[in-house]
Structure formats: C-alpha cells, structure tokens
N, C-alpha and C. Protein backbone atom coordinates (compact mmCIF):
# COMPACT_ATOMS: atom_id res chain seq x y z
N MET A 1 -5.74 1.01 -16.40
CA MET A 1 -5.47 1.12 -14.99
C MET A 1 -6.33 2.22 -14.40
N GLY A 2 -6.68 2.13 -13.13
CA GLY A 2 -7.56 3.10 -12.49
C GLY A 2 -6.88 4.43 -12.28
N THR A 3 -7.70 5.47 -12.32
CA THR A 3 -7.21 6.81 -12.05
C THR A 3 -7.34 7.08 -10.57
N LEU A 4 -6.30 7.62 -9.96
CA LEU A 4 -6.31 7.90 -8.54
C LEU A 4 -6.53 9.39 -8.33
N ARG A 5 -7.23 9.72 -7.24
CA ARG A 5 -7.54 11.11 -6.97
C ARG A 5 -6.42 11.87 -6.30
N ALA A 6 -5.43 11.20 -5.77
CA ALA A 6 -4.32 11.88 -5.10
C ALA A 6 -3.02 11.18 -5.47
N PRO A 7 -1.92 11.95 -5.52
CA PRO A 7 -0.64 11.31 -5.84
C PRO A 7 -0.27 10.26 -4.81
N LEU A 8 0.18 9.12 -5.28
CA LEU A 8 0.52 8.04 -4.36
C LEU A 8 1.77 8.32 -3.55
N TRP A 9 2.68 9.18 -4.05
CA TRP A 9 3.86 9.51 -3.25
C TRP A 9 3.43 10.19 -1.97
N LEU A 10 2.32 10.94 -2.02
CA LEU A 10 1.80 11.59 -0.84
C LEU A 10 1.26 10.56 0.14
N LEU A 11 0.71 9.46 -0.38
CA LEU A 11 0.18 8.40 0.47
C LEU A 11 1.27 7.80 1.35
N ILE A 12 2.42 7.51 0.77
CA ILE A 12 3.50 6.94 1.57
C ILE A 12 3.94 7.93 2.63
N GLY A 13 4.05 9.18 2.28
CA GLY A 13 4.47 10.19 3.24
C GLY A 13 3.47 10.36 4.37
N SER A 14 2.19 10.27 4.05
CA SER A 14 1.18 10.47 5.09
C SER A 14 0.82 9.19 5.81
N LEU A 15 1.06 8.05 5.21
CA LEU A 15 0.67 6.78 5.83
C LEU A 15 1.57 6.41 7.00
N LEU A 16 2.84 6.59 6.82
CA LEU A 16 3.77 6.12 7.85
C LEU A 16 4.35 7.30 8.62
N VAL A 17 3.89 7.49 9.81
CA VAL A 17 4.42 8.53 10.67
C VAL A 17 5.50 7.89 11.52
N LEU A 18 6.72 8.32 11.30
CA LEU A 18 7.84 7.71 12.01
C LEU A 18 8.00 8.41 13.36
N THR A 19 8.03 7.62 14.40
CA THR A 19 8.12 8.18 15.74
C THR A 19 8.83 7.21 16.65
N SER A 20 9.30 7.70 17.78
CA SER A 20 9.92 6.79 18.73
C SER A 20 8.89 6.10 19.60
N CYS A 21 7.68 6.57 19.64
CA CYS A 21 6.57 5.91 20.31
C CYS A 21 6.94 5.40 21.70
N ALA A 22 7.32 6.29 22.58
CA ALA A 22 7.73 5.88 23.93
C ALA A 22 6.63 5.14 24.67
N ASP A 23 5.37 5.47 24.36
CA ASP A 23 4.27 4.82 25.07
C ASP A 23 3.88 3.48 24.46
N ARG A 24 4.36 3.16 23.29
CA ARG A 24 4.10 1.87 22.65
C ARG A 24 5.44 1.23 22.35
N ARG A 25 5.80 0.26 23.10
CA ARG A 25 7.10 -0.40 22.90
C ARG A 25 6.99 -1.40 21.75
N TRP A 26 7.93 -1.31 20.86
CA TRP A 26 8.00 -2.19 19.70
C TRP A 26 9.24 -3.05 19.81
N SER A 27 9.09 -4.33 19.56
CA SER A 27 10.25 -5.22 19.54
C SER A 27 10.96 -5.03 18.19
N PRO A 28 12.22 -5.40 18.13
CA PRO A 28 12.93 -5.34 16.84
C PRO A 28 12.22 -6.17 15.76
N GLU A 29 11.64 -7.30 16.15
CA GLU A 29 10.94 -8.15 15.19
C GLU A 29 9.67 -7.46 14.67
N GLU A 30 8.96 -6.75 15.53
CA GLU A 30 7.77 -6.02 15.09
C GLU A 30 8.16 -4.90 14.13
N ILE A 31 9.24 -4.22 14.45
CA ILE A 31 9.72 -3.15 13.56
C ILE A 31 10.11 -3.74 12.21
N GLU A 32 10.78 -4.87 12.24
CA GLU A 32 11.17 -5.54 10.99
C GLU A 32 9.93 -5.95 10.19
N ASN A 33 8.91 -6.47 10.88
CA ASN A 33 7.70 -6.89 10.18
C ASN A 33 6.97 -5.69 9.58
N ALA A 34 7.02 -4.55 10.26
CA ALA A 34 6.36 -3.35 9.75
C ALA A 34 6.96 -2.90 8.42
N GLN A 35 8.19 -3.30 8.15
CA GLN A 35 8.82 -2.95 6.88
C GLN A 35 8.02 -3.49 5.70
N HIS A 36 7.33 -4.61 5.88
CA HIS A 36 6.52 -5.18 4.80
C HIS A 36 5.39 -4.23 4.40
N LEU A 37 4.87 -3.47 5.36
CA LEU A 37 3.84 -2.49 5.04
C LEU A 37 4.40 -1.44 4.09
N LEU A 38 5.56 -0.93 4.41
CA LEU A 38 6.21 0.06 3.55
C LEU A 38 6.54 -0.54 2.19
N ASN A 39 7.07 -1.76 2.19
CA ASN A 39 7.40 -2.42 0.92
C ASN A 39 6.16 -2.62 0.04
N ALA A 40 5.05 -3.00 0.66
CA ALA A 40 3.80 -3.17 -0.09
C ALA A 40 3.36 -1.86 -0.71
N GLN A 41 3.43 -0.79 0.08
CA GLN A 41 3.02 0.52 -0.42
C GLN A 41 3.94 0.96 -1.56
N GLN A 42 5.24 0.75 -1.42
CA GLN A 42 6.18 1.17 -2.47
C GLN A 42 5.94 0.40 -3.77
N ALA A 43 5.73 -0.90 -3.68
CA ALA A 43 5.46 -1.69 -4.88
C ALA A 43 4.16 -1.24 -5.55
N ASP A 44 3.18 -0.91 -4.73
CA ASP A 44 1.91 -0.43 -5.26
C ASP A 44 2.08 0.92 -5.96
N VAL A 45 2.85 1.81 -5.38
CA VAL A 45 3.10 3.11 -6.00
C VAL A 45 3.77 2.92 -7.36
N ILE A 46 4.73 2.04 -7.43
CA ILE A 46 5.41 1.77 -8.70
C ILE A 46 4.41 1.24 -9.73
N ALA A 47 3.58 0.30 -9.32
CA ALA A 47 2.57 -0.26 -10.23
C ALA A 47 1.63 0.83 -10.73
N GLU A 48 1.19 1.70 -9.84
CA GLU A 48 0.27 2.76 -10.25
C GLU A 48 0.93 3.75 -11.19
N ARG A 49 2.16 4.11 -10.91
CA ARG A 49 2.88 5.03 -11.80
C ARG A 49 3.07 4.41 -13.18
N MET A 50 3.46 3.14 -13.20
CA MET A 50 3.63 2.47 -14.48
C MET A 50 2.30 2.34 -15.20
N GLY A 51 1.25 2.03 -14.45
CA GLY A 51 -0.07 1.89 -15.04
C GLY A 51 -0.58 3.18 -15.64
N SER A 52 -0.22 4.30 -15.04
CA SER A 52 -0.67 5.58 -15.58
C SER A 52 0.03 5.92 -16.89
N MET A 53 1.18 5.26 -17.15
CA MET A 53 1.89 5.47 -18.42
C MET A 53 1.46 4.47 -19.48
N ASP A 54 0.69 3.46 -19.07
CA ASP A 54 0.27 2.39 -19.97
C ASP A 54 -0.74 2.92 -20.99
N SER A 55 -0.71 2.35 -22.15
CA SER A 55 -1.63 2.70 -23.22
C SER A 55 -3.05 2.25 -22.85
N PRO A 56 -4.07 3.05 -23.19
CA PRO A 56 -5.44 2.61 -22.92
C PRO A 56 -5.84 1.37 -23.70
N HIS A 57 -5.05 1.02 -24.71
CA HIS A 57 -5.33 -0.17 -25.52
C HIS A 57 -4.37 -1.31 -25.19
N ALA A 58 -3.80 -1.27 -24.00
CA ALA A 58 -2.84 -2.30 -23.61
C ALA A 58 -3.54 -3.65 -23.51
N THR A 59 -2.78 -4.68 -23.79
CA THR A 59 -3.29 -6.05 -23.68
C THR A 59 -2.48 -6.77 -22.60
N PRO A 60 -3.00 -7.88 -22.07
CA PRO A 60 -2.28 -8.60 -21.01
C PRO A 60 -0.86 -9.01 -21.40
N GLY A 61 -0.57 -9.14 -22.67
CA GLY A 61 0.76 -9.55 -23.10
C GLY A 61 1.75 -8.41 -23.23
N ASP A 62 1.29 -7.17 -23.15
CA ASP A 62 2.20 -6.02 -23.28
C ASP A 62 3.21 -6.01 -22.14
N ALA A 63 4.43 -5.59 -22.45
CA ALA A 63 5.50 -5.57 -21.45
C ALA A 63 5.13 -4.67 -20.26
N MET A 64 4.55 -3.52 -20.53
CA MET A 64 4.20 -2.60 -19.45
C MET A 64 3.11 -3.21 -18.57
N THR A 65 2.12 -3.83 -19.19
CA THR A 65 1.04 -4.46 -18.44
C THR A 65 1.59 -5.59 -17.56
N ARG A 66 2.51 -6.36 -18.12
CA ARG A 66 3.13 -7.44 -17.33
C ARG A 66 3.93 -6.87 -16.16
N ALA A 67 4.64 -5.78 -16.38
CA ALA A 67 5.43 -5.16 -15.32
C ALA A 67 4.52 -4.61 -14.21
N VAL A 68 3.41 -3.99 -14.58
CA VAL A 68 2.45 -3.49 -13.59
C VAL A 68 1.93 -4.65 -12.76
N LEU A 69 1.59 -5.73 -13.44
CA LEU A 69 1.06 -6.90 -12.75
C LEU A 69 2.10 -7.49 -11.79
N GLU A 70 3.34 -7.54 -12.19
CA GLU A 70 4.40 -8.06 -11.32
C GLU A 70 4.57 -7.19 -10.07
N HIS A 71 4.49 -5.88 -10.24
CA HIS A 71 4.59 -4.99 -9.07
C HIS A 71 3.38 -5.14 -8.16
N ARG A 72 2.22 -5.34 -8.75
CA ARG A 72 1.03 -5.58 -7.91
C ARG A 72 1.16 -6.89 -7.15
N ARG A 73 1.68 -7.91 -7.82
CA ARG A 73 1.89 -9.19 -7.12
C ARG A 73 2.87 -9.03 -5.96
N GLU A 74 3.92 -8.25 -6.17
CA GLU A 74 4.89 -8.00 -5.10
C GLU A 74 4.24 -7.21 -3.96
N ALA A 75 3.42 -6.23 -4.30
CA ALA A 75 2.72 -5.47 -3.26
C ALA A 75 1.83 -6.40 -2.44
N LEU A 76 1.13 -7.30 -3.11
CA LEU A 76 0.26 -8.25 -2.41
C LEU A 76 1.08 -9.21 -1.56
N ARG A 77 2.19 -9.71 -2.10
CA ARG A 77 3.05 -10.62 -1.34
C ARG A 77 3.54 -9.93 -0.06
N GLN A 78 3.98 -8.69 -0.19
CA GLN A 78 4.46 -7.94 0.97
C GLN A 78 3.31 -7.66 1.96
N ALA A 79 2.14 -7.32 1.43
CA ALA A 79 0.99 -7.04 2.29
C ALA A 79 0.63 -8.25 3.13
N ARG A 80 0.70 -9.42 2.53
CA ARG A 80 0.35 -10.65 3.26
C ARG A 80 1.37 -11.00 4.34
N LEU A 81 2.57 -10.43 4.25
CA LEU A 81 3.61 -10.69 5.25
C LEU A 81 3.47 -9.82 6.50
N VAL A 82 2.72 -8.74 6.40
CA VAL A 82 2.53 -7.86 7.57
C VAL A 82 1.54 -8.55 8.50
N ARG A 83 1.96 -8.74 9.74
CA ARG A 83 1.09 -9.40 10.72
C ARG A 83 0.03 -8.43 11.21
N ASP A 84 -1.15 -8.98 11.51
CA ASP A 84 -2.25 -8.17 12.01
C ASP A 84 -1.91 -7.48 13.33
N ASP A 85 -1.19 -8.17 14.21
CA ASP A 85 -0.85 -7.54 15.49
C ASP A 85 0.05 -6.32 15.29
N VAL A 86 0.90 -6.35 14.27
CA VAL A 86 1.77 -5.21 13.97
C VAL A 86 0.93 -4.07 13.41
N LEU A 87 0.00 -4.38 12.53
CA LEU A 87 -0.90 -3.35 11.99
C LEU A 87 -1.73 -2.72 13.12
N GLU A 88 -2.22 -3.55 14.02
CA GLU A 88 -3.03 -3.03 15.13
C GLU A 88 -2.20 -2.18 16.09
N LYS A 89 -0.95 -2.52 16.24
CA LYS A 89 -0.08 -1.73 17.11
C LYS A 89 0.17 -0.36 16.48
N ALA A 90 0.28 -0.34 15.16
CA ALA A 90 0.49 0.92 14.45
C ALA A 90 -0.73 1.83 14.55
N ARG A 91 -1.91 1.23 14.50
CA ARG A 91 -3.16 1.97 14.65
C ARG A 91 -4.29 0.97 14.86
N PRO A 92 -5.02 1.08 15.97
CA PRO A 92 -6.16 0.18 16.16
C PRO A 92 -7.13 0.27 14.98
N GLY A 93 -7.53 -0.90 14.47
CA GLY A 93 -8.44 -0.97 13.33
C GLY A 93 -7.74 -1.01 11.98
N LEU A 94 -6.43 -0.82 11.97
CA LEU A 94 -5.70 -0.79 10.70
C LEU A 94 -5.72 -2.15 10.00
N SER A 95 -5.63 -3.23 10.77
CA SER A 95 -5.55 -4.54 10.11
C SER A 95 -6.78 -4.82 9.27
N GLN A 96 -7.96 -4.55 9.79
CA GLN A 96 -9.17 -4.82 9.01
C GLN A 96 -9.23 -3.93 7.77
N GLN A 97 -8.95 -2.65 7.94
CA GLN A 97 -8.99 -1.73 6.80
C GLN A 97 -7.96 -2.13 5.75
N PHE A 98 -6.76 -2.46 6.19
CA PHE A 98 -5.68 -2.85 5.28
C PHE A 98 -6.05 -4.12 4.52
N ARG A 99 -6.55 -5.11 5.24
CA ARG A 99 -6.91 -6.39 4.59
C ARG A 99 -8.11 -6.22 3.65
N ASP A 100 -9.14 -5.48 4.11
CA ASP A 100 -10.38 -5.37 3.36
C ASP A 100 -10.30 -4.47 2.14
N THR A 101 -9.41 -3.48 2.17
CA THR A 101 -9.36 -2.54 1.03
C THR A 101 -8.06 -2.68 0.25
N PHE A 102 -6.92 -2.51 0.91
CA PHE A 102 -5.65 -2.58 0.18
C PHE A 102 -5.39 -3.98 -0.35
N GLU A 103 -5.36 -4.95 0.55
CA GLU A 103 -5.03 -6.32 0.14
C GLU A 103 -6.09 -6.91 -0.80
N ARG A 104 -7.36 -6.78 -0.43
CA ARG A 104 -8.43 -7.34 -1.27
C ARG A 104 -8.48 -6.62 -2.62
N GLY A 105 -8.26 -5.31 -2.61
CA GLY A 105 -8.23 -4.56 -3.86
C GLY A 105 -7.15 -5.07 -4.79
N LEU A 106 -5.96 -5.34 -4.23
CA LEU A 106 -4.88 -5.90 -5.04
C LEU A 106 -5.24 -7.27 -5.59
N GLU A 107 -5.83 -8.11 -4.74
CA GLU A 107 -6.24 -9.45 -5.20
C GLU A 107 -7.16 -9.36 -6.40
N LEU A 108 -8.14 -8.47 -6.33
CA LEU A 108 -9.11 -8.34 -7.42
C LEU A 108 -8.48 -7.72 -8.66
N LEU A 109 -7.62 -6.73 -8.48
CA LEU A 109 -6.94 -6.12 -9.62
C LEU A 109 -6.09 -7.17 -10.35
N ILE A 110 -5.38 -7.98 -9.58
CA ILE A 110 -4.53 -9.01 -10.17
C ILE A 110 -5.37 -10.07 -10.87
N GLU A 111 -6.38 -10.58 -10.18
CA GLU A 111 -7.23 -11.61 -10.78
C GLU A 111 -7.92 -11.09 -12.03
N GLY A 112 -8.40 -9.87 -11.96
CA GLY A 112 -9.06 -9.27 -13.13
C GLY A 112 -8.11 -9.13 -14.30
N ALA A 113 -6.88 -8.72 -14.03
CA ALA A 113 -5.89 -8.59 -15.10
C ALA A 113 -5.53 -9.95 -15.69
N GLU A 114 -5.40 -10.95 -14.83
CA GLU A 114 -5.02 -12.29 -15.30
C GLU A 114 -6.13 -12.95 -16.11
N THR A 115 -7.38 -12.68 -15.76
CA THR A 115 -8.50 -13.33 -16.43
C THR A 115 -9.16 -12.44 -17.47
N GLY A 116 -8.79 -11.16 -17.50
CA GLY A 116 -9.43 -10.23 -18.42
C GLY A 116 -10.82 -9.82 -17.96
N ASP A 117 -11.13 -10.02 -16.69
CA ASP A 117 -12.44 -9.68 -16.14
C ASP A 117 -12.48 -8.22 -15.71
N ALA A 118 -13.13 -7.39 -16.53
CA ALA A 118 -13.20 -5.96 -16.26
C ALA A 118 -13.98 -5.65 -14.97
N ASP A 119 -14.97 -6.49 -14.63
CA ASP A 119 -15.73 -6.26 -13.40
C ASP A 119 -14.86 -6.43 -12.16
N LEU A 120 -14.01 -7.46 -12.17
CA LEU A 120 -13.09 -7.66 -11.05
C LEU A 120 -12.10 -6.50 -10.96
N GLN A 121 -11.60 -6.06 -12.10
CA GLN A 121 -10.67 -4.93 -12.10
C GLN A 121 -11.34 -3.67 -11.57
N SER A 122 -12.57 -3.46 -11.95
CA SER A 122 -13.31 -2.29 -11.47
C SER A 122 -13.54 -2.35 -9.97
N GLU A 123 -13.94 -3.52 -9.48
CA GLU A 123 -14.14 -3.69 -8.04
C GLU A 123 -12.82 -3.51 -7.29
N GLY A 124 -11.75 -4.05 -7.83
CA GLY A 124 -10.44 -3.89 -7.22
C GLY A 124 -10.01 -2.43 -7.18
N ALA A 125 -10.27 -1.71 -8.26
CA ALA A 125 -9.92 -0.28 -8.31
C ALA A 125 -10.72 0.52 -7.29
N GLN A 126 -11.98 0.15 -7.10
CA GLN A 126 -12.81 0.84 -6.10
C GLN A 126 -12.28 0.59 -4.69
N LEU A 127 -11.90 -0.64 -4.40
CA LEU A 127 -11.33 -0.94 -3.09
C LEU A 127 -10.00 -0.23 -2.90
N HIS A 128 -9.20 -0.21 -3.94
CA HIS A 128 -7.91 0.47 -3.89
C HIS A 128 -8.12 1.95 -3.58
N GLN A 129 -9.08 2.57 -4.24
CA GLN A 129 -9.37 3.98 -3.99
C GLN A 129 -9.91 4.18 -2.58
N ALA A 130 -10.68 3.22 -2.08
CA ALA A 130 -11.18 3.30 -0.69
C ALA A 130 -10.01 3.29 0.28
N TRP A 131 -8.98 2.47 0.01
CA TRP A 131 -7.78 2.45 0.85
C TRP A 131 -7.07 3.80 0.82
N ILE A 132 -6.93 4.37 -0.36
CA ILE A 132 -6.27 5.67 -0.48
C ILE A 132 -7.05 6.74 0.26
N ASP A 133 -8.36 6.74 0.10
CA ASP A 133 -9.19 7.73 0.80
C ASP A 133 -9.07 7.57 2.30
N TRP A 134 -9.14 6.32 2.79
CA TRP A 134 -9.02 6.07 4.22
C TRP A 134 -7.64 6.50 4.72
N SER A 135 -6.61 6.20 3.95
CA SER A 135 -5.25 6.56 4.33
C SER A 135 -5.05 8.06 4.43
N HIS A 136 -5.66 8.79 3.52
CA HIS A 136 -5.55 10.24 3.58
C HIS A 136 -6.24 10.79 4.82
N GLU A 137 -7.32 10.17 5.20
CA GLU A 137 -8.06 10.64 6.39
C GLU A 137 -7.39 10.21 7.69
N HIS A 138 -6.80 9.02 7.72
CA HIS A 138 -6.30 8.46 8.98
C HIS A 138 -4.79 8.22 8.99
N GLY A 139 -4.09 8.57 7.93
CA GLY A 139 -2.66 8.28 7.83
C GLY A 139 -1.83 8.85 8.97
N SER A 140 -2.20 10.01 9.46
CA SER A 140 -1.43 10.62 10.54
C SER A 140 -1.60 9.88 11.86
N GLU A 141 -2.55 8.98 11.94
CA GLU A 141 -2.79 8.20 13.16
C GLU A 141 -1.96 6.91 13.18
N ILE A 142 -1.31 6.58 12.08
CA ILE A 142 -0.53 5.35 11.99
C ILE A 142 0.87 5.65 12.50
N LEU A 143 1.26 4.99 13.57
CA LEU A 143 2.54 5.25 14.20
C LEU A 143 3.42 4.00 14.16
N ILE A 144 4.57 4.16 13.52
CA ILE A 144 5.55 3.08 13.42
C ILE A 144 6.87 3.65 13.89
N PRO A 145 7.59 2.95 14.75
CA PRO A 145 8.85 3.51 15.27
C PRO A 145 9.91 3.67 14.20
N GLN A 146 10.67 4.73 14.36
CA GLN A 146 11.81 4.95 13.48
C GLN A 146 12.91 4.00 13.89
N ALA A 147 13.45 3.31 12.93
CA ALA A 147 14.51 2.34 13.23
C ALA A 147 15.28 2.04 11.96
N ALA A 148 16.40 1.42 12.12
CA ALA A 148 17.18 1.00 10.96
C ALA A 148 16.31 0.06 10.14
N GLY A 149 16.35 0.24 8.86
CA GLY A 149 15.56 -0.63 7.99
C GLY A 149 14.23 -0.02 7.59
N ILE A 150 13.73 0.95 8.35
CA ILE A 150 12.50 1.63 7.97
C ILE A 150 12.87 3.07 7.73
N GLU A 151 12.93 3.42 6.46
CA GLU A 151 13.29 4.78 6.11
C GLU A 151 12.33 5.26 5.05
N VAL A 152 11.80 6.45 5.27
CA VAL A 152 10.87 7.04 4.33
C VAL A 152 11.38 8.43 4.02
N ALA A 153 11.39 8.78 2.77
CA ALA A 153 11.68 10.15 2.39
C ALA A 153 10.35 10.77 2.01
N PRO A 154 9.61 11.30 3.00
CA PRO A 154 8.27 11.79 2.74
C PRO A 154 8.26 13.05 1.88
N ALA A 155 7.18 13.22 1.17
CA ALA A 155 7.03 14.39 0.33
C ALA A 155 6.70 15.61 1.17
N ALA A 156 6.14 15.39 2.33
CA ALA A 156 5.77 16.47 3.23
C ALA A 156 6.38 16.17 4.59
N PRO A 157 6.50 17.19 5.44
CA PRO A 157 7.05 16.93 6.78
C PRO A 157 6.25 15.85 7.50
N VAL A 158 6.95 15.04 8.25
CA VAL A 158 6.34 13.95 9.00
C VAL A 158 6.47 14.25 10.48
N ASP A 159 5.38 14.06 11.22
CA ASP A 159 5.42 14.29 12.66
C ASP A 159 6.29 13.24 13.33
N THR A 160 7.10 13.69 14.25
CA THR A 160 7.88 12.76 15.05
C THR A 160 7.70 13.12 16.50
N VAL A 161 7.88 12.13 17.35
CA VAL A 161 7.75 12.35 18.80
C VAL A 161 9.12 12.23 19.40
C-alpha cells in the first residue's frame, strides 16, 4: 500500500469545514448528498490505516488485503454518489479535482489490486497523494453546512460561521 505524507485523520478534519453558510443556501437533499463525501473519505481513511498495517509480502488473497480492497470499493461507491453540483457548491472546482484525483485514484488502486498490475497501483497511489496534497492546500475552502447527519470530530479546530 502507498505511503502517505500526512495523517489521513487530519485530512477529514481539514477537508470538511462545517458552517451554516448563510450566503449559500443548501437544501436538505444537498446536505444529505454531501454526506457521501464524508463517507467516502472515512472509508478511504480506514483502507489506508489497514493498508499501513499490511505485510509488505501480502497477496491478493490475504484477509487484510481483501479488507483494504473492500473499504476502497466502499469509498469509491460513496464517491460516485456525491453529485457534482453539491461538490461545486461546497467549493468551485471541487468536482473536477475530486473526480480526477480521489475517484480516479481509487479506481486505479482497486483495478491494480484486482489484476495484480503494479503500474496501475502506482498510478492510483500518485493520484491519491495528489488528492491529499490538494486537500491540505484547499481544504479550508470547502464549506458544507452543519446539519443532522453530517458530523465530524475533527482532529483540529474547525472554522465555523
């Protein structure tokens, strides 16, 4: 599994800035759809944590490898459920970045693991790291309203409006 340059728990805390966003009105359905973004991130964090505990000699049949793959599949499933208009409302340009790095990175990591293609896994890991780097730089710009169903226990203080 790829090595990450920053703890992923920090990514969730910095990615989702919970705010009431008085200037951007969110419908209950948009807020509900935004939950898929959080779910995708959480499943990805679990996969990365499990992957960091995996043996360097793991094979596709190992229980830990299978569990990592299942969490990545869940992260991808959740990522595909987040609508582009919701991502754009959270931050202009987020949908393209999210699809091109996070979602595509997961697709390649999964395909590489399923086929044993190290090149696909490497490309997926690079895209995944690009998502993390982008998130660290722009995470504070992502605004999602605080509401029932979206709860984050951030590792660091989160700005609220």
